[in-house]
Amino acid sequence: MRFAAIGVDHRHIYHMVGGLLEAGAHCAGFDPATSDPRVLAGFRERFPQLAEAAAERLLDDPTIELIVCAGIPSERAALAVRAMRAGKDVMVDKPGVTSFEQLAEVEQTVAETGRIFSVCFSERFIVPSTIVAGKLIADGAIGRVVQTVGLGPHRLNRTIRPSWFFDRQYFGGILTDIASHQIDQFLHFTGSQDAEIVASGVGHFGAADLPDFEDFGEILLRSDRASGFIRVDWFTADGLPTWGDGRLTILGTEGTIELRKYVDIAGRPGTDHLFLVDKTGTRHIDASGEPLTYFRDLIADVEARSEKAATQRHVFTVCRLALHAQDRAVRLPIRGAEAK
């Protein structure tokens, strides 16, 4: 399968392209246009063998089957529509859309063209421990899943962020953006086809010179099978040896699974720590060696017109729920000294 990259604005493009190459796909080129020269420099350093070409040329190339995009979030949907109208499938970074209007246009385009619109929910798709957790749940290790608690803390790294990163009209808001990961995981691990946003909130508690930037968000959601709580933020301290202590707790009727995806603070080294509690006791599972499946499944979907990587319904449901959570979010009050 031949693919091309258009939209080199976020560092997630590295694992999107790298994952496809590792899965056996061939990259026909990338468009070097970017809003962040540092991301482009990092891309060139990681993939010096890849050729550069303008977006129009890549879109017009009939041999290219898939376009991958990690552009400015508010511009991803428009590019996806152009690519699908040009007869190509699409894989975009999250968030795939930043408005209900964009979602409607993408859904209509998929219906009319039959193309694939895939969102790379990296906190599940490129995290080996989530794959192991899914297998354990499928085997009945913790009974029926009744709740998930997903935590998505991130380090702000303010000095390396482009200006659009702090403007909601470009990134869509913290719940549209980051929390889409946790919504995806809630639906996946609970086996839910849909859900409702019971309550949501956003707030700003950090830098005083960025009063409109949402650095904290929370969601309570519920399906006909389970409930879930989500917290996302930009407050990872510099002392943590990675960008965020992402965690997922899955409660079942006969046990629990906790994932510490990126670090086990003051504990075991490495990533992908899975802790299982069941009727026989407790144990730690090193899940870091579990093979990833998303990229090879997506390649298979492109070739067979299947839905192994993720169903189209699931992708659209995650996007819609994230938009609803953002749209209905209450503004959380400032606490502490600034509230006086």
Protein backbone atom coordinates (compact mmCIF):
# COMPACT_ATOMS: atom_id res chain seq x y z
CA MET A 1 0.00 0.00 0.00
CA ARG A 2 1.24 3.47 -0.90
CA PHE A 3 0.51 6.44 1.35
CA ALA A 4 1.52 10.08 1.65
CA ALA A 5 1.70 12.57 4.52
CA ILE A 6 0.09 16.01 4.31
CA GLY A 7 -0.04 18.13 7.45
CA VAL A 8 3.28 18.05 9.31
CA ASP A 9 2.20 20.35 12.15
CA HIS A 10 2.08 18.03 15.17
CA ARG A 11 4.64 15.52 16.39
CA HIS A 12 2.09 12.73 16.24
CA ILE A 13 2.90 12.56 12.54
CA TYR A 14 6.08 10.72 13.55
CA HIS A 15 4.34 7.64 14.93
CA MET A 16 1.65 7.75 12.26
CA VAL A 17 4.17 7.54 9.43
CA GLY A 18 6.56 5.31 11.37
CA GLY A 19 3.80 2.86 12.26
CA LEU A 20 2.69 2.49 8.66
CA LEU A 21 6.26 2.01 7.44
CA GLU A 22 6.90 -0.62 10.11
CA ALA A 23 3.70 -2.40 9.08
CA GLY A 24 4.96 -2.69 5.52
CA ALA A 25 3.40 0.28 3.73
CA HIS A 26 5.38 2.46 1.31
CA CYS A 27 5.46 6.24 1.73
CA ALA A 28 5.26 7.97 -1.66
CA GLY A 29 6.22 11.35 -0.16
CA PHE A 30 5.21 14.18 2.15
CA ASP A 31 4.25 17.81 1.84
CA PRO A 32 6.76 19.94 3.80
CA ALA A 33 4.30 22.79 4.38
CA THR A 34 4.01 23.33 8.14
CA SER A 35 3.09 25.81 10.86
CA ASP A 36 5.91 24.51 13.05
CA PRO A 37 9.41 24.27 11.51
CA ARG A 38 10.60 22.23 14.51
CA VAL A 39 8.12 19.46 13.73
CA LEU A 40 9.25 19.47 10.10
CA ALA A 41 12.91 19.32 11.14
CA GLY A 42 12.16 16.35 13.38
CA PHE A 43 10.29 14.64 10.57
CA ARG A 44 13.17 15.06 8.15
CA GLU A 45 15.60 13.76 10.76
CA ARG A 46 13.51 10.64 11.41
CA PHE A 47 12.67 9.92 7.77
CA PRO A 48 15.54 11.21 5.63
CA GLN A 49 14.68 8.74 2.88
CA LEU A 50 11.24 10.22 2.17
CA ALA A 51 10.72 12.51 -0.81
CA GLU A 52 9.05 15.91 -0.59
CA ALA A 53 6.17 16.91 -2.84
CA ALA A 54 3.38 19.50 -2.85
CA ALA A 55 -0.01 18.47 -1.47
CA GLU A 56 -1.77 18.83 -4.82
CA ARG A 57 0.69 16.48 -6.48
CA LEU A 58 0.18 13.87 -3.78
CA LEU A 59 -3.60 14.18 -3.93
CA ASP A 60 -3.54 13.83 -7.73
CA ASP A 61 -1.34 10.72 -7.69
CA PRO A 62 -3.65 7.77 -8.47
CA THR A 63 -1.18 5.25 -7.01
CA ILE A 64 -1.49 6.73 -3.49
CA GLU A 65 -4.23 4.96 -1.54
CA LEU A 66 -4.05 6.63 1.87
CA ILE A 67 -3.37 10.16 3.11
CA VAL A 68 -2.15 10.66 6.69
CA CYS A 69 -2.51 14.04 8.35
CA ALA A 70 -1.44 15.69 11.60
CA GLY A 71 -2.10 19.24 10.45
CA ILE A 72 -3.58 22.07 12.50
CA PRO A 73 -6.63 20.39 14.07
CA SER A 74 -9.23 22.74 12.60
CA GLU A 75 -7.87 22.05 9.09
CA ARG A 76 -7.82 18.25 9.22
CA ALA A 77 -11.44 17.66 8.22
CA ALA A 78 -11.20 19.82 5.10
CA LEU A 79 -8.09 17.98 3.94
CA ALA A 80 -9.75 14.64 4.68
CA VAL A 81 -12.74 15.59 2.53
CA ARG A 82 -10.43 16.66 -0.34
CA ALA A 83 -8.52 13.40 -0.10
CA MET A 84 -11.64 11.24 0.00
CA ARG A 85 -13.11 13.12 -2.96
CA ALA A 86 -9.84 12.31 -4.75
CA GLY A 87 -10.45 8.60 -4.15
CA LYS A 88 -8.16 8.09 -1.16
CA ASP A 89 -8.68 6.78 2.35
CA VAL A 90 -7.60 8.97 5.25
CA MET A 91 -5.94 8.59 8.63
CA VAL A 92 -5.83 11.76 10.73
CA ASP A 93 -4.45 12.57 14.14
CA LYS A 94 -6.96 13.27 16.87
CA PRO A 95 -9.09 15.34 16.98
CA GLY A 96 -10.36 14.37 13.57
CA VAL A 97 -12.85 17.25 13.61
CA THR A 98 -13.25 20.41 15.71
CA SER A 99 -16.90 21.30 14.98
CA PHE A 100 -20.25 19.64 14.36
CA GLU A 101 -20.27 21.16 10.87
CA GLN A 102 -16.98 19.45 10.04
CA LEU A 103 -18.26 16.15 11.40
CA ALA A 104 -21.38 16.36 9.25
CA GLU A 105 -19.32 17.08 6.13
CA VAL A 106 -16.95 14.19 6.80
CA GLU A 107 -19.85 11.80 7.46
CA GLN A 108 -21.55 12.87 4.23
CA THR A 109 -18.32 12.44 2.27
CA VAL A 110 -17.76 8.95 3.66
CA ALA A 111 -21.35 8.00 2.78
CA GLU A 112 -20.99 9.31 -0.77
CA THR A 113 -17.50 8.03 -1.55
CA GLY A 114 -17.21 4.84 0.51
CA ARG A 115 -13.76 5.93 1.66
CA ILE A 116 -12.29 5.26 5.12
CA PHE A 117 -11.95 8.09 7.64
CA SER A 118 -9.78 6.77 10.48
CA VAL A 119 -8.66 8.74 13.53
CA CYS A 120 -5.43 7.56 15.13
CA PHE A 121 -6.39 7.40 18.81
CA SER A 122 -2.79 6.90 19.81
CA GLU A 123 -3.40 6.43 23.54
CA ARG A 124 -5.03 3.11 22.63
CA PHE A 125 -3.67 2.22 19.19
CA ILE A 126 0.03 2.65 19.94
CA VAL A 127 0.01 1.54 23.59
CA PRO A 128 0.72 -2.21 23.95
CA SER A 129 -0.83 -2.45 27.41
CA THR A 130 -4.26 -1.50 26.06
CA ILE A 131 -4.07 -4.47 23.69
CA VAL A 132 -3.24 -6.83 26.55
CA ALA A 133 -6.07 -5.35 28.61
CA GLY A 134 -8.49 -5.98 25.77
CA LYS A 135 -7.43 -9.61 25.57
CA LEU A 136 -7.83 -10.10 29.32
CA ILE A 137 -11.32 -8.59 29.24
CA ALA A 138 -12.29 -10.75 26.26
CA ASP A 139 -11.14 -13.81 28.23
CA GLY A 140 -13.37 -12.82 31.15
CA ALA A 141 -10.52 -12.02 33.54
CA ILE A 142 -12.45 -9.30 35.39
CA GLY A 143 -16.04 -10.23 34.53
CA ARG A 144 -18.32 -7.66 32.94
CA VAL A 145 -16.85 -4.16 32.68
CA VAL A 146 -19.04 -1.62 34.49
CA GLN A 147 -16.85 1.49 34.65
CA THR A 148 -13.68 3.10 33.34
CA VAL A 149 -11.67 5.95 34.81
CA GLY A 150 -9.37 7.51 32.25
CA LEU A 151 -6.73 10.07 33.20
CA GLY A 152 -4.90 12.00 30.50
CA PRO A 153 -2.38 14.43 32.02
CA HIS A 154 0.05 16.16 29.65
CA ARG A 155 3.13 18.36 29.98
CA LEU A 156 2.51 21.80 28.51
CA ASN A 157 6.01 22.39 27.09
CA ARG A 158 4.86 25.91 26.40
CA THR A 159 8.06 27.18 24.78
CA ILE A 160 7.87 24.69 21.90
CA ARG A 161 4.16 25.08 21.12
CA PRO A 162 3.02 27.02 18.03
CA SER A 163 0.55 29.88 18.53
CA TRP A 164 -2.45 27.85 17.26
CA PHE A 165 -1.97 25.42 20.13
CA PHE A 166 -3.41 27.98 22.59
CA ASP A 167 -6.33 29.16 20.42
CA ARG A 168 -9.53 27.16 20.76
CA GLN A 169 -10.71 28.02 17.25
CA TYR A 170 -7.77 25.98 15.97
CA PHE A 171 -7.50 23.07 18.44
CA GLY A 172 -11.17 22.73 19.33
CA GLY A 173 -10.94 22.80 23.13
CA ILE A 174 -9.39 20.39 25.62
CA LEU A 175 -12.32 17.94 25.60
CA THR A 176 -12.60 17.84 21.82
CA ASP A 177 -8.87 17.30 21.63
CA ILE A 178 -7.34 15.26 24.45
CA ALA A 179 -10.48 13.67 25.91
CA SER A 180 -11.31 11.99 22.61
CA HIS A 181 -8.70 9.42 23.64
CA GLN A 182 -10.51 8.54 26.85
CA ILE A 183 -13.93 8.49 25.15
CA ASP A 184 -12.52 6.05 22.60
CA GLN A 185 -11.25 3.82 25.40
CA PHE A 186 -14.52 3.96 27.32
CA LEU A 187 -16.53 2.78 24.32
CA HIS A 188 -13.96 0.13 23.40
CA PHE A 189 -13.42 -1.46 26.81
CA THR A 190 -17.07 -1.36 27.90
CA GLY A 191 -18.33 -2.68 24.56
CA SER A 192 -20.63 0.33 24.21
CA GLN A 193 -21.99 1.40 20.83
CA ASP A 194 -22.90 4.88 22.09
CA ALA A 195 -23.07 6.95 25.25
CA GLU A 196 -24.43 10.18 26.70
CA ILE A 197 -22.51 13.05 28.23
CA VAL A 198 -23.95 13.37 31.72
CA ALA A 199 -21.77 16.33 32.72
CA SER A 200 -18.60 18.04 31.58
CA GLY A 201 -16.46 20.97 32.59
CA VAL A 202 -13.40 22.91 31.50
CA GLY A 203 -11.21 25.37 33.33
CA HIS A 204 -8.07 27.44 33.34
CA PHE A 205 -5.92 27.27 36.46
CA GLY A 206 -2.43 27.90 35.07
CA ALA A 207 -0.58 30.80 33.44
CA ALA A 208 -2.33 34.12 34.04
CA ASP A 209 -1.38 35.43 30.59
CA LEU A 210 -3.37 32.65 28.88
CA PRO A 211 -6.80 33.20 30.48
CA ASP A 212 -8.75 31.61 27.63
CA PHE A 213 -6.60 28.48 27.33
CA GLU A 214 -8.32 25.40 28.74
CA ASP A 215 -5.76 23.50 30.80
CA PHE A 216 -8.20 21.27 32.70
CA GLY A 217 -11.22 19.23 31.68
CA GLU A 218 -13.51 16.53 33.05
CA ILE A 219 -16.35 14.38 31.74
CA LEU A 220 -18.91 12.05 33.27
CA LEU A 221 -20.44 9.78 30.64
CA ARG A 222 -22.78 6.81 30.64
CA SER A 223 -23.94 4.12 28.23
CA ASP A 224 -26.51 1.35 28.47
CA ARG A 225 -23.71 -0.90 29.73
CA ALA A 226 -21.37 1.17 31.89
CA SER A 227 -20.30 4.56 33.20
CA GLY A 228 -17.06 6.44 32.89
CA PHE A 229 -15.11 9.37 34.29
CA ILE A 230 -12.46 11.30 32.40
CA ARG A 231 -9.93 13.88 33.56
CA VAL A 232 -7.50 15.60 31.22
CA ASP A 233 -5.06 18.41 31.95
CA TRP A 234 -1.85 20.23 31.03
CA PHE A 235 -0.22 20.10 34.48
CA THR A 236 2.39 17.32 34.26
CA ALA A 237 5.33 18.56 36.32
CA ASP A 238 8.82 18.77 34.89
CA GLY A 239 10.06 16.14 37.35
CA LEU A 240 8.17 13.33 35.61
CA PRO A 241 10.50 11.51 33.18
CA THR A 242 7.87 11.40 30.43
CA TRP A 243 5.20 13.70 28.97
CA GLY A 244 2.35 12.44 31.18
CA ASP A 245 1.34 9.79 33.69
CA GLY A 246 -1.53 8.43 31.59
CA ARG A 247 -3.64 5.92 33.48
CA LEU A 248 -6.73 3.84 32.85
CA THR A 249 -8.63 1.89 35.49
CA ILE A 250 -11.18 -0.66 34.27
CA LEU A 251 -13.64 -1.94 36.85
CA GLY A 252 -15.23 -5.32 36.28
CA THR A 253 -17.68 -7.36 38.30
CA GLU A 254 -14.91 -9.83 39.19
CA GLY A 255 -11.77 -7.68 39.29
CA THR A 256 -9.94 -4.61 38.07
CA ILE A 257 -7.28 -3.71 35.55
CA GLU A 258 -5.13 -0.62 35.92
CA LEU A 259 -2.85 0.56 33.14
CA ARG A 260 0.06 2.85 33.84
CA LYS A 261 0.87 3.40 30.23
CA TYR A 262 3.96 5.56 30.19
CA VAL A 263 5.55 5.37 33.63
CA ASP A 264 5.24 3.53 36.95
CA ILE A 265 6.19 6.41 39.23
CA ALA A 266 8.85 5.46 41.78
CA GLY A 267 8.38 1.84 40.68
CA ARG A 268 9.39 -0.41 37.81
CA PRO A 269 11.24 1.08 34.85
CA GLY A 270 9.84 1.29 31.33
CA THR A 271 6.32 1.66 29.98
CA ASP A 272 3.09 -0.34 29.67
CA HIS A 273 2.60 -1.58 33.21
CA LEU A 274 -0.62 -3.55 33.67
CA PHE A 275 -1.91 -4.39 37.15
CA LEU A 276 -4.54 -7.10 37.42
CA VAL A 277 -6.63 -7.83 40.50
CA ASP A 278 -8.89 -10.89 40.34
CA LYS A 279 -10.21 -13.63 42.59
CA THR A 280 -6.82 -15.33 42.76
CA GLY A 281 -4.78 -12.30 43.82
CA THR A 282 -2.82 -9.42 42.33
CA ARG A 283 -0.14 -9.36 39.67
CA HIS A 284 1.88 -7.06 37.49
CA ILE A 285 2.15 -7.74 33.76
CA ASP A 286 4.86 -6.20 31.63
CA ALA A 287 2.89 -5.51 28.45
CA SER A 288 5.57 -3.50 26.64
CA GLY A 289 6.39 -6.33 24.23
CA GLU A 290 2.86 -6.79 22.92
CA PRO A 291 2.76 -6.18 19.14
CA LEU A 292 0.70 -3.22 17.91
CA THR A 293 -2.11 -4.03 15.49
CA TYR A 294 -3.67 -0.73 14.38
CA PHE A 295 -1.41 0.10 11.46
CA ARG A 296 -1.39 -3.33 9.88
CA ASP A 297 -5.15 -3.59 10.44
CA LEU A 298 -5.66 -0.24 8.72
CA ILE A 299 -3.57 -1.39 5.76
CA ALA A 300 -5.78 -4.50 5.57
CA ASP A 301 -8.88 -2.31 5.72
CA VAL A 302 -7.66 -0.19 2.81
CA GLU A 303 -7.03 -3.29 0.73
CA ALA A 304 -10.12 -5.33 1.71
CA ARG A 305 -12.59 -2.48 2.51
CA SER A 306 -13.02 -3.96 5.97
CA GLU A 307 -13.19 -2.49 9.50
CA LYS A 308 -10.50 -4.31 11.46
CA ALA A 309 -8.73 -1.24 12.84
CA ALA A 310 -11.94 0.45 14.00
CA THR A 311 -15.47 0.66 12.70
CA GLN A 312 -16.49 3.87 10.98
CA ARG A 313 -19.40 4.13 13.39
CA HIS A 314 -17.04 4.01 16.36
CA VAL A 315 -14.83 6.78 14.97
CA PHE A 316 -17.78 9.07 14.32
CA THR A 317 -19.31 8.32 17.72
CA VAL A 318 -16.10 9.29 19.52
CA CYS A 319 -15.90 12.52 17.53
CA ARG A 320 -19.54 13.38 18.24
CA LEU A 321 -19.32 12.65 21.97
CA ALA A 322 -16.16 14.74 22.31
CA LEU A 323 -17.86 17.66 20.56
CA HIS A 324 -20.94 17.30 22.78
CA ALA A 325 -18.78 17.25 25.90
CA GLN A 326 -16.99 20.39 24.78
CA ASP A 327 -20.18 22.16 23.72
CA ARG A 328 -21.99 21.45 26.99
CA ALA A 329 -19.06 22.00 29.34
CA VAL A 330 -19.50 24.39 32.25
CA ARG A 331 -16.68 26.79 32.97
CA LEU A 332 -15.09 25.68 36.23
CA PRO A 333 -14.33 28.50 38.70
CA ILE A 334 -10.81 29.55 39.56
CA ARG A 335 -9.88 28.49 43.05
CA GLY A 336 -7.28 29.59 45.53
CA ALA A 337 -5.50 32.93 45.57
CA GLU A 338 -6.76 34.08 42.15
CA ALA A 339 -10.37 33.60 43.24
CA LYS A 340 -10.10 36.12 46.08
